[in-house]
Each structure stands twice: as structure tokens, then as C-alpha cells.
Amino acid sequence: MRTFMKTILAAATASLAVGGIAYADHLNIDVDGATIEDGAVVFPSVKIDQDGYVVIHAVEDGEPVVPASIGHTAVAAGDSENVTVEVEGGAMEGTEYVAMIHYETNDNGTYDFAEGMTDVDTPGMRPDNTPYALPFAVGGM
């Protein structure tokens, strides 16, 4: 798991060099501009090339807690603004999270990705074949 987080952090750090926002050619979550409203995380912009989800994972001991998520919301293909993701227990400033893109790939219209599941919504991938996942904390870490 620690290798997974190091891979995510390395990819995110490299992509942050492009104007402070982490880009893939077909995916983007503006984590730098994220805010908290009523315990939900609001991302100023999200770009996704097919219908899917913005998913938030908790971080424990420096590692994302996967496959369990603490929040998700559906997003349509294209560019979206002010994407709100409700977080179980309420998001807190200064707490570290990981935001990911997942595609709606099992055609049932609900987010599916959990331990032991085989018919899941697959993660969006970067051109280097790593999951599009970004560590972030609203208000700093």
C-alpha cells in the first residue's frame, strides 16, 4: 500500500508543475481550489472523458484507505464546475484525503467499487497507466 501512495504522490507532484493543477490529457480534478461546505468537499472543476464518479478516500498512516471510499458523486462526461462530494462524517480542514476518478463501466448507474466485488466501476487512468488519484487537504496539511 505504501508503494501505491508513493506512486500517486509522485504522479501528482509531477503533474502539479503544470500551473498548480494536476492534469492528465483527459482527466482533471482541481484539488488545489477545493473547499469544504457543510462537511462536503467542493472541487471548482472536474474534467472526465466519459461518465463516471469523483471518489474520495480517507488516508491513514500516509496511505489511502482502498478500496473503501468515504464519498463519491456522479459526473457527466466533459467539464463540470463546483462538483460537490458528500463525505461520511463530514470533511475537515487540514485532513489528508485522496480524490480519484472512476468510470461508470458496469452500466448500472451507481458507484460500485468495494472489497470482494468483481463487477466494479474502473478507475480512470493516466497516460502512464497509473490511477488518476490526487492527494489533497483543504486548508493545508
C-alpha atoms as a PDB file:
ATOM      1  CA  MET A   1       0.000   0.000   0.000  1.00  0.00           C
ATOM      2  CA  ARG A   2       2.849   2.423   0.766  1.00  0.00           C
ATOM      3  CA  THR A   3       4.146   1.930  -2.801  1.00  0.00           C
ATOM      4  CA  PHE A   4       0.670   2.830  -4.107  1.00  0.00           C
ATOM      5  CA  MET A   5       0.699   6.126  -2.193  1.00  0.00           C
ATOM      6  CA  LYS A   6       4.260   6.930  -3.297  1.00  0.00           C
ATOM      7  CA  THR A   7       3.222   6.319  -6.925  1.00  0.00           C
ATOM      8  CA  ILE A   8       0.189   8.580  -6.510  1.00  0.00           C
ATOM      9  CA  LEU A   9       2.242  11.312  -4.856  1.00  0.00           C
ATOM     10  CA  ALA A  10       4.985  11.143  -7.487  1.00  0.00           C
ATOM     11  CA  ALA A  11       2.484  11.358 -10.342  1.00  0.00           C
ATOM     12  CA  ALA A  12       0.584  14.180  -8.660  1.00  0.00           C
ATOM     13  CA  THR A  13       3.752  16.121  -7.893  1.00  0.00           C
ATOM     14  CA  ALA A  14       4.948  15.816 -11.481  1.00  0.00           C
ATOM     15  CA  SER A  15       1.598  16.925 -12.860  1.00  0.00           C
ATOM     16  CA  LEU A  16       1.304  19.852 -10.415  1.00  0.00           C
ATOM     17  CA  ALA A  17       4.133  21.509 -12.285  1.00  0.00           C
ATOM     18  CA  VAL A  18       1.530  22.449 -14.921  1.00  0.00           C
ATOM     19  CA  GLY A  19       0.008  25.596 -13.461  1.00  0.00           C
ATOM     20  CA  GLY A  20      -0.714  24.167  -9.997  1.00  0.00           C
ATOM     21  CA  ILE A  21      -3.494  21.876 -11.240  1.00  0.00           C
ATOM     22  CA  ALA A  22      -2.966  18.160 -11.804  1.00  0.00           C
ATOM     23  CA  TYR A  23      -3.758  17.298 -15.417  1.00  0.00           C
ATOM     24  CA  ALA A  24      -3.951  14.157 -17.455  1.00  0.00           C
ATOM     25  CA  ASP A  25      -4.846  14.699 -21.080  1.00  0.00           C
ATOM     26  CA  HIS A  26      -8.420  13.526 -20.481  1.00  0.00           C
ATOM     27  CA  LEU A  27      -8.910  13.888 -16.697  1.00  0.00           C
ATOM     28  CA  ASN A  28      -8.626  16.657 -14.139  1.00  0.00           C
ATOM     29  CA  ILE A  29      -9.765  17.369 -10.592  1.00  0.00           C
ATOM     30  CA  ASP A  30      -8.901  20.847  -9.308  1.00  0.00           C
ATOM     31  CA  VAL A  31      -7.872  19.796  -5.792  1.00  0.00           C
ATOM     32  CA  ASP A  32      -5.893  22.999  -5.147  1.00  0.00           C
ATOM     33  CA  GLY A  33      -9.076  25.063  -5.218  1.00  0.00           C
ATOM     34  CA  ALA A  34     -11.162  22.623  -3.161  1.00  0.00           C
ATOM     35  CA  THR A  35     -13.264  23.988  -0.316  1.00  0.00           C
ATOM     36  CA  ILE A  36     -15.457  22.482   2.392  1.00  0.00           C
ATOM     37  CA  GLU A  37     -19.130  23.402   2.565  1.00  0.00           C
ATOM     38  CA  ASP A  38     -21.398  21.773   5.157  1.00  0.00           C
ATOM     39  CA  GLY A  39     -18.960  18.860   5.528  1.00  0.00           C
ATOM     40  CA  ALA A  40     -18.774  18.192   1.767  1.00  0.00           C
ATOM     41  CA  VAL A  41     -15.744  18.800  -0.453  1.00  0.00           C
ATOM     42  CA  VAL A  42     -16.393  21.130  -3.387  1.00  0.00           C
ATOM     43  CA  PHE A  43     -13.974  20.918  -6.318  1.00  0.00           C
ATOM     44  CA  PRO A  44     -14.018  24.036  -8.547  1.00  0.00           C
ATOM     45  CA  SER A  45     -13.661  21.947 -11.693  1.00  0.00           C
ATOM     46  CA  VAL A  46     -13.591  18.352 -12.882  1.00  0.00           C
ATOM     47  CA  LYS A  47     -12.823  17.057 -16.365  1.00  0.00           C
ATOM     48  CA  ILE A  48     -13.683  13.498 -17.360  1.00  0.00           C
ATOM     49  CA  ASP A  49     -13.851  11.950 -20.819  1.00  0.00           C
ATOM     50  CA  GLN A  50     -16.766   9.589 -20.089  1.00  0.00           C
ATOM     51  CA  ASP A  51     -19.488   9.403 -17.444  1.00  0.00           C
ATOM     52  CA  GLY A  52     -18.169   8.410 -14.050  1.00  0.00           C
ATOM     53  CA  TYR A  53     -17.530   9.473 -10.475  1.00  0.00           C
ATOM     54  CA  VAL A  54     -15.302  11.632  -8.312  1.00  0.00           C
ATOM     55  CA  VAL A  55     -14.414   9.437  -5.335  1.00  0.00           C
ATOM     56  CA  ILE A  56     -12.776  10.443  -2.042  1.00  0.00           C
ATOM     57  CA  HIS A  57     -10.691   8.059   0.050  1.00  0.00           C
ATOM     58  CA  ALA A  58      -9.521   8.600   3.616  1.00  0.00           C
ATOM     59  CA  VAL A  59      -5.792   8.472   4.351  1.00  0.00           C
ATOM     60  CA  GLU A  60      -4.406   6.589   7.357  1.00  0.00           C
ATOM     61  CA  ASP A  61      -0.716   6.381   8.247  1.00  0.00           C
ATOM     62  CA  GLY A  62       0.120   8.114   4.971  1.00  0.00           C
ATOM     63  CA  GLU A  63      -1.746   5.565   2.847  1.00  0.00           C
ATOM     64  CA  PRO A  64      -5.125   5.824   1.116  1.00  0.00           C
ATOM     65  CA  VAL A  65      -7.757   3.520   2.551  1.00  0.00           C
ATOM     66  CA  VAL A  66      -8.734   1.473  -0.505  1.00  0.00           C
ATOM     67  CA  PRO A  67     -10.905   0.092  -1.896  1.00  0.00           C
ATOM     68  CA  ALA A  68     -13.351   1.657   0.606  1.00  0.00           C
ATOM     69  CA  SER A  69     -14.336   5.243  -0.097  1.00  0.00           C
ATOM     70  CA  ILE A  70     -15.800   7.893   2.185  1.00  0.00           C
ATOM     71  CA  GLY A  71     -17.664   9.775  -0.522  1.00  0.00           C
ATOM     72  CA  HIS A  72     -18.464   9.873  -4.215  1.00  0.00           C
ATOM     73  CA  THR A  73     -20.617  11.733  -6.701  1.00  0.00           C
ATOM     74  CA  ALA A  74     -21.566  11.140 -10.314  1.00  0.00           C
ATOM     75  CA  VAL A  75     -20.130  13.410 -13.008  1.00  0.00           C
ATOM     76  CA  ALA A  76     -21.108  13.548 -16.662  1.00  0.00           C
ATOM     77  CA  ALA A  77     -18.529  13.383 -19.420  1.00  0.00           C
ATOM     78  CA  GLY A  78     -16.987  16.769 -20.156  1.00  0.00           C
ATOM     79  CA  ASP A  79     -16.120  19.710 -17.934  1.00  0.00           C
ATOM     80  CA  SER A  80     -18.061  20.292 -14.708  1.00  0.00           C
ATOM     81  CA  GLU A  81     -17.855  23.140 -12.218  1.00  0.00           C
ATOM     82  CA  ASN A  82     -18.427  23.169  -8.449  1.00  0.00           C
ATOM     83  CA  VAL A  83     -18.549  19.388  -8.066  1.00  0.00           C
ATOM     84  CA  THR A  84     -19.722  18.563  -4.542  1.00  0.00           C
ATOM     85  CA  VAL A  85     -18.811  15.265  -2.872  1.00  0.00           C
ATOM     86  CA  GLU A  86     -20.552  14.455   0.417  1.00  0.00           C
ATOM     87  CA  VAL A  87     -18.063  12.933   2.883  1.00  0.00           C
ATOM     88  CA  GLU A  88     -19.053  10.406   5.552  1.00  0.00           C
ATOM     89  CA  GLY A  89     -18.687  12.087   8.930  1.00  0.00           C
ATOM     90  CA  GLY A  90     -18.004  15.441   7.255  1.00  0.00           C
ATOM     91  CA  ALA A  91     -14.774  16.622   5.659  1.00  0.00           C
ATOM     92  CA  MET A  92     -12.410  18.557   7.905  1.00  0.00           C
ATOM     93  CA  GLU A  93      -9.869  21.242   7.050  1.00  0.00           C
ATOM     94  CA  GLY A  94      -6.267  20.087   7.200  1.00  0.00           C
ATOM     95  CA  THR A  95      -7.197  16.399   6.909  1.00  0.00           C
ATOM     96  CA  GLU A  96      -5.461  14.470   4.147  1.00  0.00           C
ATOM     97  CA  TYR A  97      -7.642  12.753   1.515  1.00  0.00           C
ATOM     98  CA  VAL A  98      -7.189  11.213  -1.925  1.00  0.00           C
ATOM     99  CA  ALA A  99      -9.511  12.149  -4.816  1.00  0.00           C
ATOM    100  CA  MET A 100      -9.910   9.678  -7.676  1.00  0.00           C
ATOM    101  CA  ILE A 101     -11.767   9.373 -10.946  1.00  0.00           C
ATOM    102  CA  HIS A 102     -13.739   6.192 -11.642  1.00  0.00           C
ATOM    103  CA  TYR A 103     -15.682   5.450 -14.826  1.00  0.00           C
ATOM    104  CA  GLU A 104     -19.243   4.081 -14.906  1.00  0.00           C
ATOM    105  CA  THR A 105     -18.203   0.824 -16.565  1.00  0.00           C
ATOM    106  CA  ASN A 106     -20.748  -1.706 -15.318  1.00  0.00           C
ATOM    107  CA  ASP A 107     -23.745   0.225 -16.720  1.00  0.00           C
ATOM    108  CA  ASN A 108     -25.912   0.174 -13.592  1.00  0.00           C
ATOM    109  CA  GLY A 109     -25.795   3.918 -12.829  1.00  0.00           C
ATOM    110  CA  THR A 110     -24.395   3.523  -9.300  1.00  0.00           C
ATOM    111  CA  TYR A 111     -20.850   3.724  -7.971  1.00  0.00           C
ATOM    112  CA  ASP A 112     -19.521   0.216  -7.355  1.00  0.00           C
ATOM    113  CA  PHE A 113     -16.030  -0.482  -6.044  1.00  0.00           C
ATOM    114  CA  ALA A 114     -15.503  -2.418  -2.824  1.00  0.00           C
ATOM    115  CA  GLU A 115     -13.636  -5.340  -1.323  1.00  0.00           C
ATOM    116  CA  GLY A 116     -14.610  -8.620  -2.962  1.00  0.00           C
ATOM    117  CA  MET A 117     -16.590  -7.043  -5.826  1.00  0.00           C
ATOM    118  CA  THR A 118     -15.914  -8.201  -9.371  1.00  0.00           C
ATOM    119  CA  ASP A 119     -18.366  -6.014 -11.334  1.00  0.00           C
ATOM    120  CA  VAL A 120     -16.862  -2.621 -10.477  1.00  0.00           C
ATOM    121  CA  ASP A 121     -16.559   0.881 -11.918  1.00  0.00           C
ATOM    122  CA  THR A 122     -12.955   1.055 -13.055  1.00  0.00           C
ATOM    123  CA  PRO A 123     -10.519   3.814 -12.080  1.00  0.00           C
ATOM    124  CA  GLY A 124      -9.606   6.444 -14.659  1.00  0.00           C
ATOM    125  CA  MET A 125      -6.005   6.040 -15.713  1.00  0.00           C
ATOM    126  CA  ARG A 126      -3.212   8.450 -16.546  1.00  0.00           C
ATOM    127  CA  PRO A 127      -1.249   8.038 -19.780  1.00  0.00           C
ATOM    128  CA  ASP A 128       1.461   6.217 -17.751  1.00  0.00           C
ATOM    129  CA  ASN A 129      -1.167   3.618 -16.695  1.00  0.00           C
ATOM    130  CA  THR A 130      -1.382   4.716 -13.049  1.00  0.00           C
ATOM    131  CA  PRO A 131      -4.751   5.550 -11.464  1.00  0.00           C
ATOM    132  CA  TYR A 132      -5.808   9.197 -11.678  1.00  0.00           C
ATOM    133  CA  ALA A 133      -5.624   9.887  -7.953  1.00  0.00           C
ATOM    134  CA  LEU A 134      -4.579  13.063  -6.186  1.00  0.00           C
ATOM    135  CA  PRO A 135      -3.701  13.601  -2.543  1.00  0.00           C
ATOM    136  CA  PHE A 136      -5.125  16.818  -1.097  1.00  0.00           C
ATOM    137  CA  ALA A 137      -6.102  18.605   2.084  1.00  0.00           C
ATOM    138  CA  VAL A 138      -8.409  21.597   2.198  1.00  0.00           C
ATOM    139  CA  GLY A 139      -6.688  24.397   4.124  1.00  0.00           C
ATOM    140  CA  GLY A 140      -3.309  22.680   4.092  1.00  0.00           C
ATOM    141  CA  MET A 141      -1.766  19.643   5.774  1.00  0.00           C
END
